[in-house]
Amino acid sequence: MARFPHYKSNVIELGRLLARASLDESVREALVSSPQEALAQIGLPKHATSLMTFKVVDQRLQENAVVLPYKLNDDKLASNIAGYAEDLGKHFALN
């Protein structure tokens, strides 16, 4: 799923976009070539998408691709909440 800030109202459309991109080569190519435009088409505002650079990572083309979260929870890190770092680590396991 997306690793960037998004609006709750866009979650369904974001999921649909990612599903279509995984099934339809032309949608995937459009998302890869212009992710900000594809995100704008599903309703994400330009002021949100213009704050960052997007790169679509296709795990089929990049073995052991790792996607980092956009932001860690500083409070959970500072207070050593049990399981927080361990749960994050699961996202970085090799294929």
PDB file of N, CA and C in Angstrom:
ATOM      1  N   MET A   1       0.839  -1.170   0.000  1.00  0.00           N
ATOM      2  CA  MET A   1       0.000   0.000   0.000  1.00  0.00           C
ATOM      3  C   MET A   1       0.882   1.230   0.000  1.00  0.00           C
ATOM      4  N   ALA A   2       0.255   2.355  -0.145  1.00  0.00           N
ATOM      5  CA  ALA A   2       0.988   3.604  -0.271  1.00  0.00           C
ATOM      6  C   ALA A   2       1.812   3.913   0.968  1.00  0.00           C
ATOM      7  N   ARG A   3       2.995   4.454   0.762  1.00  0.00           N
ATOM      8  CA  ARG A   3       3.868   4.854   1.858  1.00  0.00           C
ATOM      9  C   ARG A   3       4.026   6.373   1.845  1.00  0.00           C
ATOM     10  N   PHE A   4       2.934   7.094   1.724  1.00  0.00           N
ATOM     11  CA  PHE A   4       2.965   8.540   1.751  1.00  0.00           C
ATOM     12  C   PHE A   4       1.661   9.041   2.342  1.00  0.00           C
ATOM     13  N   PRO A   5       1.639  10.306   2.808  1.00  0.00           N
ATOM     14  CA  PRO A   5       0.407  10.816   3.407  1.00  0.00           C
ATOM     15  C   PRO A   5      -0.711  10.862   2.372  1.00  0.00           C
ATOM     16  N   HIS A   6      -1.872  10.462   2.767  1.00  0.00           N
ATOM     17  CA  HIS A   6      -3.028  10.522   1.875  1.00  0.00           C
ATOM     18  C   HIS A   6      -4.273  10.756   2.714  1.00  0.00           C
ATOM     19  N   TYR A   7      -5.316  11.172   2.057  1.00  0.00           N
ATOM     20  CA  TYR A   7      -6.567  11.443   2.749  1.00  0.00           C
ATOM     21  C   TYR A   7      -7.381  10.169   2.866  1.00  0.00           C
ATOM     22  N   LYS A   8      -8.050  10.000   4.007  1.00  0.00           N
ATOM     23  CA  LYS A   8      -8.874   8.807   4.206  1.00  0.00           C
ATOM     24  C   LYS A   8      -9.914   8.669   3.103  1.00  0.00           C
ATOM     25  N   SER A   9     -10.404   9.792   2.620  1.00  0.00           N
ATOM     26  CA  SER A   9     -11.428   9.746   1.575  1.00  0.00           C
ATOM     27  C   SER A   9     -10.885   9.195   0.259  1.00  0.00           C
ATOM     28  N   ASN A  10      -9.567   9.169   0.094  1.00  0.00           N
ATOM     29  CA  ASN A  10      -8.959   8.674  -1.147  1.00  0.00           C
ATOM     30  C   ASN A  10      -8.468   7.238  -1.054  1.00  0.00           C
ATOM     31  N   VAL A  11      -8.588   6.605   0.092  1.00  0.00           N
ATOM     32  CA  VAL A  11      -8.024   5.272   0.282  1.00  0.00           C
ATOM     33  C   VAL A  11      -8.626   4.261  -0.690  1.00  0.00           C
ATOM     34  N   ILE A  12      -9.938   4.289  -0.867  1.00  0.00           N
ATOM     35  CA  ILE A  12     -10.579   3.333  -1.776  1.00  0.00           C
ATOM     36  C   ILE A  12     -10.088   3.548  -3.198  1.00  0.00           C
ATOM     37  N   GLU A  13     -10.061   4.800  -3.642  1.00  0.00           N
ATOM     38  CA  GLU A  13      -9.603   5.083  -5.006  1.00  0.00           C
ATOM     39  C   GLU A  13      -8.125   4.752  -5.179  1.00  0.00           C
ATOM     40  N   LEU A  14      -7.328   4.979  -4.154  1.00  0.00           N
ATOM     41  CA  LEU A  14      -5.910   4.632  -4.214  1.00  0.00           C
ATOM     42  C   LEU A  14      -5.743   3.125  -4.355  1.00  0.00           C
ATOM     43  N   GLY A  15      -6.502   2.368  -3.597  1.00  0.00           N
ATOM     44  CA  GLY A  15      -6.470   0.908  -3.714  1.00  0.00           C
ATOM     45  C   GLY A  15      -6.886   0.439  -5.094  1.00  0.00           C
ATOM     46  N   ARG A  16      -7.910   1.077  -5.639  1.00  0.00           N
ATOM     47  CA  ARG A  16      -8.367   0.719  -6.992  1.00  0.00           C
ATOM     48  C   ARG A  16      -7.295   1.019  -8.034  1.00  0.00           C
ATOM     49  N   LEU A  17      -6.637   2.170  -7.881  1.00  0.00           N
ATOM     50  CA  LEU A  17      -5.564   2.527  -8.814  1.00  0.00           C
ATOM     51  C   LEU A  17      -4.443   1.494  -8.763  1.00  0.00           C
ATOM     52  N   LEU A  18      -4.027   1.116  -7.565  1.00  0.00           N
ATOM     53  CA  LEU A  18      -2.949   0.132  -7.429  1.00  0.00           C
ATOM     54  C   LEU A  18      -3.369  -1.231  -7.970  1.00  0.00           C
ATOM     55  N   ALA A  19      -4.618  -1.602  -7.756  1.00  0.00           N
ATOM     56  CA  ALA A  19      -5.114  -2.878  -8.291  1.00  0.00           C
ATOM     57  C   ALA A  19      -5.149  -2.844  -9.813  1.00  0.00           C
ATOM     58  N   ARG A  20      -5.653  -1.741 -10.376  1.00  0.00           N
ATOM     59  CA  ARG A  20      -5.697  -1.632 -11.846  1.00  0.00           C
ATOM     60  C   ARG A  20      -4.285  -1.662 -12.426  1.00  0.00           C
ATOM     61  N   ALA A  21      -3.351  -0.988 -11.749  1.00  0.00           N
ATOM     62  CA  ALA A  21      -1.968  -0.954 -12.234  1.00  0.00           C
ATOM     63  C   ALA A  21      -1.330  -2.335 -12.199  1.00  0.00           C
ATOM     64  N   SER A  22      -1.735  -3.166 -11.252  1.00  0.00           N
ATOM     65  CA  SER A  22      -1.162  -4.516 -11.184  1.00  0.00           C
ATOM     66  C   SER A  22      -1.758  -5.439 -12.240  1.00  0.00           C
ATOM     67  N   LEU A  23      -2.927  -5.094 -12.756  1.00  0.00           N
ATOM     68  CA  LEU A  23      -3.600  -5.953 -13.736  1.00  0.00           C
ATOM     69  C   LEU A  23      -3.524  -5.444 -15.166  1.00  0.00           C
ATOM     70  N   ASP A  24      -3.370  -4.142 -15.334  1.00  0.00           N
ATOM     71  CA  ASP A  24      -3.425  -3.528 -16.663  1.00  0.00           C
ATOM     72  C   ASP A  24      -2.098  -2.829 -16.954  1.00  0.00           C
ATOM     73  N   GLU A  25      -1.383  -3.335 -17.928  1.00  0.00           N
ATOM     74  CA  GLU A  25      -0.051  -2.812 -18.259  1.00  0.00           C
ATOM     75  C   GLU A  25      -0.084  -1.324 -18.616  1.00  0.00           C
ATOM     76  N   SER A  26      -1.108  -0.865 -19.328  1.00  0.00           N
ATOM     77  CA  SER A  26      -1.166   0.548 -19.720  1.00  0.00           C
ATOM     78  C   SER A  26      -1.380   1.453 -18.499  1.00  0.00           C
ATOM     79  N   VAL A  27      -2.161   1.001 -17.536  1.00  0.00           N
ATOM     80  CA  VAL A  27      -2.357   1.771 -16.299  1.00  0.00           C
ATOM     81  C   VAL A  27      -1.054   1.800 -15.509  1.00  0.00           C
ATOM     82  N   ARG A  28      -0.361   0.662 -15.445  1.00  0.00           N
ATOM     83  CA  ARG A  28       0.922   0.607 -14.740  1.00  0.00           C
ATOM     84  C   ARG A  28       1.935   1.549 -15.381  1.00  0.00           C
ATOM     85  N   GLU A  29       2.009   1.539 -16.711  1.00  0.00           N
ATOM     86  CA  GLU A  29       2.950   2.416 -17.408  1.00  0.00           C
ATOM     87  C   GLU A  29       2.627   3.886 -17.158  1.00  0.00           C
ATOM     88  N   ALA A  30       1.340   4.228 -17.133  1.00  0.00           N
ATOM     89  CA  ALA A  30       0.937   5.611 -16.851  1.00  0.00           C
ATOM     90  C   ALA A  30       1.315   6.002 -15.424  1.00  0.00           C
ATOM     91  N   LEU A  31       1.129   5.084 -14.492  1.00  0.00           N
ATOM     92  CA  LEU A  31       1.486   5.349 -13.099  1.00  0.00           C
ATOM     93  C   LEU A  31       2.998   5.506 -12.945  1.00  0.00           C
ATOM     94  N   VAL A  32       3.759   4.677 -13.627  1.00  0.00           N
ATOM     95  CA  VAL A  32       5.225   4.752 -13.564  1.00  0.00           C
ATOM     96  C   VAL A  32       5.728   6.046 -14.203  1.00  0.00           C
ATOM     97  N   SER A  33       5.187   6.406 -15.361  1.00  0.00           N
ATOM     98  CA  SER A  33       5.692   7.573 -16.087  1.00  0.00           C
ATOM     99  C   SER A  33       5.246   8.898 -15.473  1.00  0.00           C
ATOM    100  N   SER A  34       4.082   8.915 -14.845  1.00  0.00           N
ATOM    101  CA  SER A  34       3.592  10.162 -14.266  1.00  0.00           C
ATOM    102  C   SER A  34       2.748   9.888 -13.024  1.00  0.00           C
ATOM    103  N   PRO A  35       3.406   9.491 -11.923  1.00  0.00           N
ATOM    104  CA  PRO A  35       2.645   9.143 -10.722  1.00  0.00           C
ATOM    105  C   PRO A  35       1.821  10.301 -10.169  1.00  0.00           C
ATOM    106  N   GLN A  36       2.352  11.521 -10.221  1.00  0.00           N
ATOM    107  CA  GLN A  36       1.594  12.653  -9.683  1.00  0.00           C
ATOM    108  C   GLN A  36       0.308  12.882 -10.473  1.00  0.00           C
ATOM    109  N   GLU A  37       0.365  12.713 -11.771  1.00  0.00           N
ATOM    110  CA  GLU A  37      -0.835  12.870 -12.597  1.00  0.00           C
ATOM    111  C   GLU A  37      -1.855  11.777 -12.281  1.00  0.00           C
ATOM    112  N   ALA A  38      -1.385  10.547 -12.132  1.00  0.00           N
ATOM    113  CA  ALA A  38      -2.290   9.439 -11.810  1.00  0.00           C
ATOM    114  C   ALA A  38      -2.936   9.649 -10.446  1.00  0.00           C
ATOM    115  N   LEU A  39      -2.173  10.150  -9.485  1.00  0.00           N
ATOM    116  CA  LEU A  39      -2.719  10.414  -8.155  1.00  0.00           C
ATOM    117  C   LEU A  39      -3.701  11.579  -8.181  1.00  0.00           C
ATOM    118  N   ALA A  40      -3.433  12.570  -9.018  1.00  0.00           N
ATOM    119  CA  ALA A  40      -4.369  13.693  -9.159  1.00  0.00           C
ATOM    120  C   ALA A  40      -5.694  13.218  -9.757  1.00  0.00           C
ATOM    121  N   GLN A  41      -5.620  12.265 -10.683  1.00  0.00           N
ATOM    122  CA  GLN A  41      -6.833  11.758 -11.319  1.00  0.00           C
ATOM    123  C   GLN A  41      -7.749  11.033 -10.337  1.00  0.00           C
ATOM    124  N   ILE A  42      -7.201  10.511  -9.248  1.00  0.00           N
ATOM    125  CA  ILE A  42      -8.059   9.847  -8.260  1.00  0.00           C
ATOM    126  C   ILE A  42      -8.454  10.794  -7.130  1.00  0.00           C
ATOM    127  N   GLY A  43      -8.039  12.052  -7.237  1.00  0.00           N
ATOM    128  CA  GLY A  43      -8.510  13.045  -6.285  1.00  0.00           C
ATOM    129  C   GLY A  43      -7.523  13.558  -5.262  1.00  0.00           C
ATOM    130  N   LEU A  44      -6.278  13.084  -5.302  1.00  0.00           N
ATOM    131  CA  LEU A  44      -5.291  13.640  -4.372  1.00  0.00           C
ATOM    132  C   LEU A  44      -4.929  15.049  -4.838  1.00  0.00           C
ATOM    133  N   PRO A  45      -5.002  16.035  -3.951  1.00  0.00           N
ATOM    134  CA  PRO A  45      -4.744  17.415  -4.357  1.00  0.00           C
ATOM    135  C   PRO A  45      -3.278  17.658  -4.684  1.00  0.00           C
ATOM    136  N   LYS A  46      -3.065  18.576  -5.613  1.00  0.00           N
ATOM    137  CA  LYS A  46      -1.709  18.893  -6.059  1.00  0.00           C
ATOM    138  C   LYS A  46      -0.834  19.366  -4.895  1.00  0.00           C
ATOM    139  N   HIS A  47      -1.410  20.113  -3.941  1.00  0.00           N
ATOM    140  CA  HIS A  47      -0.579  20.595  -2.830  1.00  0.00           C
ATOM    141  C   HIS A  47      -0.056  19.435  -1.983  1.00  0.00           C
ATOM    142  N   ALA A  48      -0.711  18.292  -2.026  1.00  0.00           N
ATOM    143  CA  ALA A  48      -0.223  17.113  -1.297  1.00  0.00           C
ATOM    144  C   ALA A  48       0.812  16.352  -2.120  1.00  0.00           C
ATOM    145  N   THR A  49       0.539  16.148  -3.400  1.00  0.00           N
ATOM    146  CA  THR A  49       1.451  15.356  -4.229  1.00  0.00           C
ATOM    147  C   THR A  49       2.691  16.135  -4.652  1.00  0.00           C
ATOM    148  N   SER A  50       2.617  17.459  -4.639  1.00  0.00           N
ATOM    149  CA  SER A  50       3.780  18.247  -5.067  1.00  0.00           C
ATOM    150  C   SER A  50       4.858  18.328  -3.990  1.00  0.00           C
ATOM    151  N   LEU A  51       4.559  17.861  -2.788  1.00  0.00           N
ATOM    152  CA  LEU A  51       5.525  17.927  -1.694  1.00  0.00           C
ATOM    153  C   LEU A  51       6.601  16.853  -1.766  1.00  0.00           C
ATOM    154  N   MET A  52       6.400  15.863  -2.617  1.00  0.00           N
ATOM    155  CA  MET A  52       7.358  14.762  -2.655  1.00  0.00           C
ATOM    156  C   MET A  52       7.546  14.242  -4.068  1.00  0.00           C
ATOM    157  N   THR A  53       8.614  13.505  -4.246  1.00  0.00           N
ATOM    158  CA  THR A  53       8.896  12.849  -5.514  1.00  0.00           C
ATOM    159  C   THR A  53       8.459  11.403  -5.388  1.00  0.00           C
ATOM    160  N   PHE A  54       7.707  10.925  -6.361  1.00  0.00           N
ATOM    161  CA  PHE A  54       7.211   9.557  -6.329  1.00  0.00           C
ATOM    162  C   PHE A  54       8.014   8.683  -7.273  1.00  0.00           C
ATOM    163  N   LYS A  55       8.269   7.474  -6.840  1.00  0.00           N
ATOM    164  CA  LYS A  55       8.901   6.476  -7.698  1.00  0.00           C
ATOM    165  C   LYS A  55       8.130   5.180  -7.505  1.00  0.00           C
ATOM    166  N   VAL A  56       7.634   4.645  -8.598  1.00  0.00           N
ATOM    167  CA  VAL A  56       6.911   3.382  -8.542  1.00  0.00           C
ATOM    168  C   VAL A  56       7.934   2.260  -8.600  1.00  0.00           C
ATOM    169  N   VAL A  57       7.881   1.369  -7.630  1.00  0.00           N
ATOM    170  CA  VAL A  57       8.814   0.252  -7.552  1.00  0.00           C
ATOM    171  C   VAL A  57       8.071  -1.019  -7.927  1.00  0.00           C
ATOM    172  N   ASP A  58       8.541  -1.668  -8.965  1.00  0.00           N
ATOM    173  CA  ASP A  58       7.937  -2.922  -9.419  1.00  0.00           C
ATOM    174  C   ASP A  58       8.831  -4.060  -8.954  1.00  0.00           C
ATOM    175  N   GLN A  59       8.347  -4.812  -8.004  1.00  0.00           N
ATOM    176  CA  GLN A  59       9.167  -5.870  -7.415  1.00  0.00           C
ATOM    177  C   GLN A  59       9.523  -6.947  -8.435  1.00  0.00           C
ATOM    178  N   ARG A  60       8.758  -7.045  -9.509  1.00  0.00           N
ATOM    179  CA  ARG A  60       9.088  -8.026 -10.549  1.00  0.00           C
ATOM    180  C   ARG A  60      10.373  -7.644 -11.273  1.00  0.00           C
ATOM    181  N   LEU A  61      10.699  -6.348 -11.264  1.00  0.00           N
ATOM    182  CA  LEU A  61      11.871  -5.866 -11.987  1.00  0.00           C
ATOM    183  C   LEU A  61      13.069  -5.598 -11.079  1.00  0.00           C
ATOM    184  N   GLN A  62      12.822  -5.442  -9.787  1.00  0.00           N
ATOM    185  CA  GLN A  62      13.891  -5.126  -8.843  1.00  0.00           C
ATOM    186  C   GLN A  62      13.841  -6.123  -7.697  1.00  0.00           C
ATOM    187  N   GLU A  63      14.674  -7.123  -7.788  1.00  0.00           N
ATOM    188  CA  GLU A  63      14.698  -8.158  -6.761  1.00  0.00           C
ATOM    189  C   GLU A  63      15.020  -7.547  -5.401  1.00  0.00           C
ATOM    190  N   ASN A  64      14.309  -7.995  -4.383  1.00  0.00           N
ATOM    191  CA  ASN A  64      14.504  -7.525  -3.006  1.00  0.00           C
ATOM    192  C   ASN A  64      14.284  -6.024  -2.849  1.00  0.00           C
ATOM    193  N   ALA A  65      13.323  -5.494  -3.590  1.00  0.00           N
ATOM    194  CA  ALA A  65      12.986  -4.079  -3.464  1.00  0.00           C
ATOM    195  C   ALA A  65      12.451  -3.809  -2.061  1.00  0.00           C
ATOM    196  N   VAL A  66      12.858  -2.691  -1.490  1.00  0.00           N
ATOM    197  CA  VAL A  66      12.410  -2.300  -0.156  1.00  0.00           C
ATOM    198  C   VAL A  66      11.784  -0.914  -0.264  1.00  0.00           C
ATOM    199  N   VAL A  67      10.602  -0.757   0.307  1.00  0.00           N
ATOM    200  CA  VAL A  67       9.932   0.535   0.325  1.00  0.00           C
ATOM    201  C   VAL A  67       9.896   1.014   1.767  1.00  0.00           C
ATOM    202  N   LEU A  68      10.495   2.163   2.005  1.00  0.00           N
ATOM    203  CA  LEU A  68      10.556   2.701   3.363  1.00  0.00           C
ATOM    204  C   LEU A  68       9.289   3.478   3.681  1.00  0.00           C
ATOM    205  N   PRO A  69       8.868   3.449   4.943  1.00  0.00           N
ATOM    206  CA  PRO A  69       7.696   4.250   5.313  1.00  0.00           C
ATOM    207  C   PRO A  69       8.033   5.730   5.208  1.00  0.00           C
ATOM    208  N   TYR A  70       7.037   6.546   4.935  1.00  0.00           N
ATOM    209  CA  TYR A  70       7.309   7.977   4.766  1.00  0.00           C
ATOM    210  C   TYR A  70       7.650   8.657   6.076  1.00  0.00           C
ATOM    211  N   LYS A  71       7.174   8.106   7.192  1.00  0.00           N
ATOM    212  CA  LYS A  71       7.438   8.749   8.475  1.00  0.00           C
ATOM    213  C   LYS A  71       7.343   7.723   9.596  1.00  0.00           C
ATOM    214  N   LEU A  72       8.309   7.755  10.485  1.00  0.00           N
ATOM    215  CA  LEU A  72       8.267   6.901  11.666  1.00  0.00           C
ATOM    216  C   LEU A  72       7.592   7.658  12.802  1.00  0.00           C
ATOM    217  N   ASN A  73       7.015   6.935  13.731  1.00  0.00           N
ATOM    218  CA  ASN A  73       6.379   7.543  14.894  1.00  0.00           C
ATOM    219  C   ASN A  73       7.449   7.783  15.952  1.00  0.00           C
ATOM    220  N   ASP A  74       7.867   9.037  16.101  1.00  0.00           N
ATOM    221  CA  ASP A  74       8.950   9.388  17.026  1.00  0.00           C
ATOM    222  C   ASP A  74       8.616   9.037  18.469  1.00  0.00           C
ATOM    223  N   ASP A  75       7.357   9.208  18.872  1.00  0.00           N
ATOM    224  CA  ASP A  75       6.961   8.888  20.251  1.00  0.00           C
ATOM    225  C   ASP A  75       7.130   7.400  20.541  1.00  0.00           C
ATOM    226  N   LYS A  76       6.706   6.564  19.599  1.00  0.00           N
ATOM    227  CA  LYS A  76       6.834   5.117  19.796  1.00  0.00           C
ATOM    228  C   LYS A  76       8.301   4.700  19.807  1.00  0.00           C
ATOM    229  N   LEU A  77       9.105   5.323  18.955  1.00  0.00           N
ATOM    230  CA  LEU A  77      10.537   5.008  18.944  1.00  0.00           C
ATOM    231  C   LEU A  77      11.193   5.429  20.257  1.00  0.00           C
ATOM    232  N   ALA A  78      10.888   6.641  20.726  1.00  0.00           N
ATOM    233  CA  ALA A  78      11.511   7.168  21.940  1.00  0.00           C
ATOM    234  C   ALA A  78      11.114   6.383  23.186  1.00  0.00           C
ATOM    235  N   SER A  79       9.888   5.898  23.230  1.00  0.00           N
ATOM    236  CA  SER A  79       9.429   5.200  24.432  1.00  0.00           C
ATOM    237  C   SER A  79       9.621   3.692  24.350  1.00  0.00           C
ATOM    238  N   ASN A  80      10.266   3.224  23.290  1.00  0.00           N
ATOM    239  CA  ASN A  80      10.542   1.792  23.119  1.00  0.00           C
ATOM    240  C   ASN A  80       9.292   0.929  23.258  1.00  0.00           C
ATOM    241  N   ILE A  81       8.215   1.360  22.644  1.00  0.00           N
ATOM    242  CA  ILE A  81       6.977   0.576  22.692  1.00  0.00           C
ATOM    243  C   ILE A  81       7.258  -0.801  22.095  1.00  0.00           C
ATOM    244  N   ALA A  82       6.905  -1.808  22.868  1.00  0.00           N
ATOM    245  CA  ALA A  82       7.191  -3.194  22.472  1.00  0.00           C
ATOM    246  C   ALA A  82       6.578  -3.507  21.114  1.00  0.00           C
ATOM    247  N   GLY A  83       7.385  -4.071  20.264  1.00  0.00           N
ATOM    248  CA  GLY A  83       6.900  -4.552  18.985  1.00  0.00           C
ATOM    249  C   GLY A  83       6.905  -3.539  17.858  1.00  0.00           C
ATOM    250  N   TYR A  84       7.059  -2.239  18.161  1.00  0.00           N
ATOM    251  CA  TYR A  84       6.992  -1.239  17.093  1.00  0.00           C
ATOM    252  C   TYR A  84       8.119  -1.441  16.081  1.00  0.00           C
ATOM    253  N   ALA A  85       9.359  -1.484  16.557  1.00  0.00           N
ATOM    254  CA  ALA A  85      10.493  -1.669  15.648  1.00  0.00           C
ATOM    255  C   ALA A  85      10.446  -3.043  14.988  1.00  0.00           C
ATOM    256  N   GLU A  86      10.020  -4.049  15.746  1.00  0.00           N
ATOM    257  CA  GLU A  86       9.925  -5.397  15.179  1.00  0.00           C
ATOM    258  C   GLU A  86       8.903  -5.441  14.047  1.00  0.00           C
ATOM    259  N   ASP A  87       7.752  -4.796  14.253  1.00  0.00           N
ATOM    260  CA  ASP A  87       6.738  -4.753  13.206  1.00  0.00           C
ATOM    261  C   ASP A  87       7.245  -4.016  11.975  1.00  0.00           C
ATOM    262  N   LEU A  88       7.998  -2.928  12.187  1.00  0.00           N
ATOM    263  CA  LEU A  88       8.577  -2.212  11.052  1.00  0.00           C
ATOM    264  C   LEU A  88       9.554  -3.104  10.296  1.00  0.00           C
ATOM    265  N   GLY A  89      10.338  -3.874  11.040  1.00  0.00           N
ATOM    266  CA  GLY A  89      11.328  -4.753  10.428  1.00  0.00           C
ATOM    267  C   GLY A  89      10.730  -5.775   9.489  1.00  0.00           C
ATOM    268  N   LYS A  90       9.497  -6.172   9.736  1.00  0.00           N
ATOM    269  CA  LYS A  90       8.838  -7.150   8.864  1.00  0.00           C
ATOM    270  C   LYS A  90       8.683  -6.622   7.445  1.00  0.00           C
ATOM    271  N   HIS A  91       8.615  -5.293   7.301  1.00  0.00           N
ATOM    272  CA  HIS A  91       8.470  -4.695   5.975  1.00  0.00           C
ATOM    273  C   HIS A  91       9.769  -4.746   5.177  1.00  0.00           C
ATOM    274  N   PHE A  92      10.884  -4.993   5.859  1.00  0.00           N
ATOM    275  CA  PHE A  92      12.182  -4.953   5.202  1.00  0.00           C
ATOM    276  C   PHE A  92      12.811  -6.326   5.019  1.00  0.00           C
ATOM    277  N   ALA A  93      12.062  -7.374   5.248  1.00  0.00           N
ATOM    278  CA  ALA A  93      12.587  -8.732   5.082  1.00  0.00           C
ATOM    279  C   ALA A  93      12.849  -9.007   3.609  1.00  0.00           C
ATOM    280  N   LEU A  94      13.902  -9.746   3.337  1.00  0.00           N
ATOM    281  CA  LEU A  94      14.201 -10.108   1.953  1.00  0.00           C
ATOM    282  C   LEU A  94      13.179 -11.109   1.452  1.00  0.00           C
ATOM    283  N   ASN A  95      12.950 -11.062   0.144  1.00  0.00           N
ATOM    284  CA  ASN A  95      11.952 -11.964  -0.464  1.00  0.00           C
ATOM    285  C   ASN A  95      12.356 -13.402  -0.329  1.00  0.00           C
TER     286      ASN A  95
END
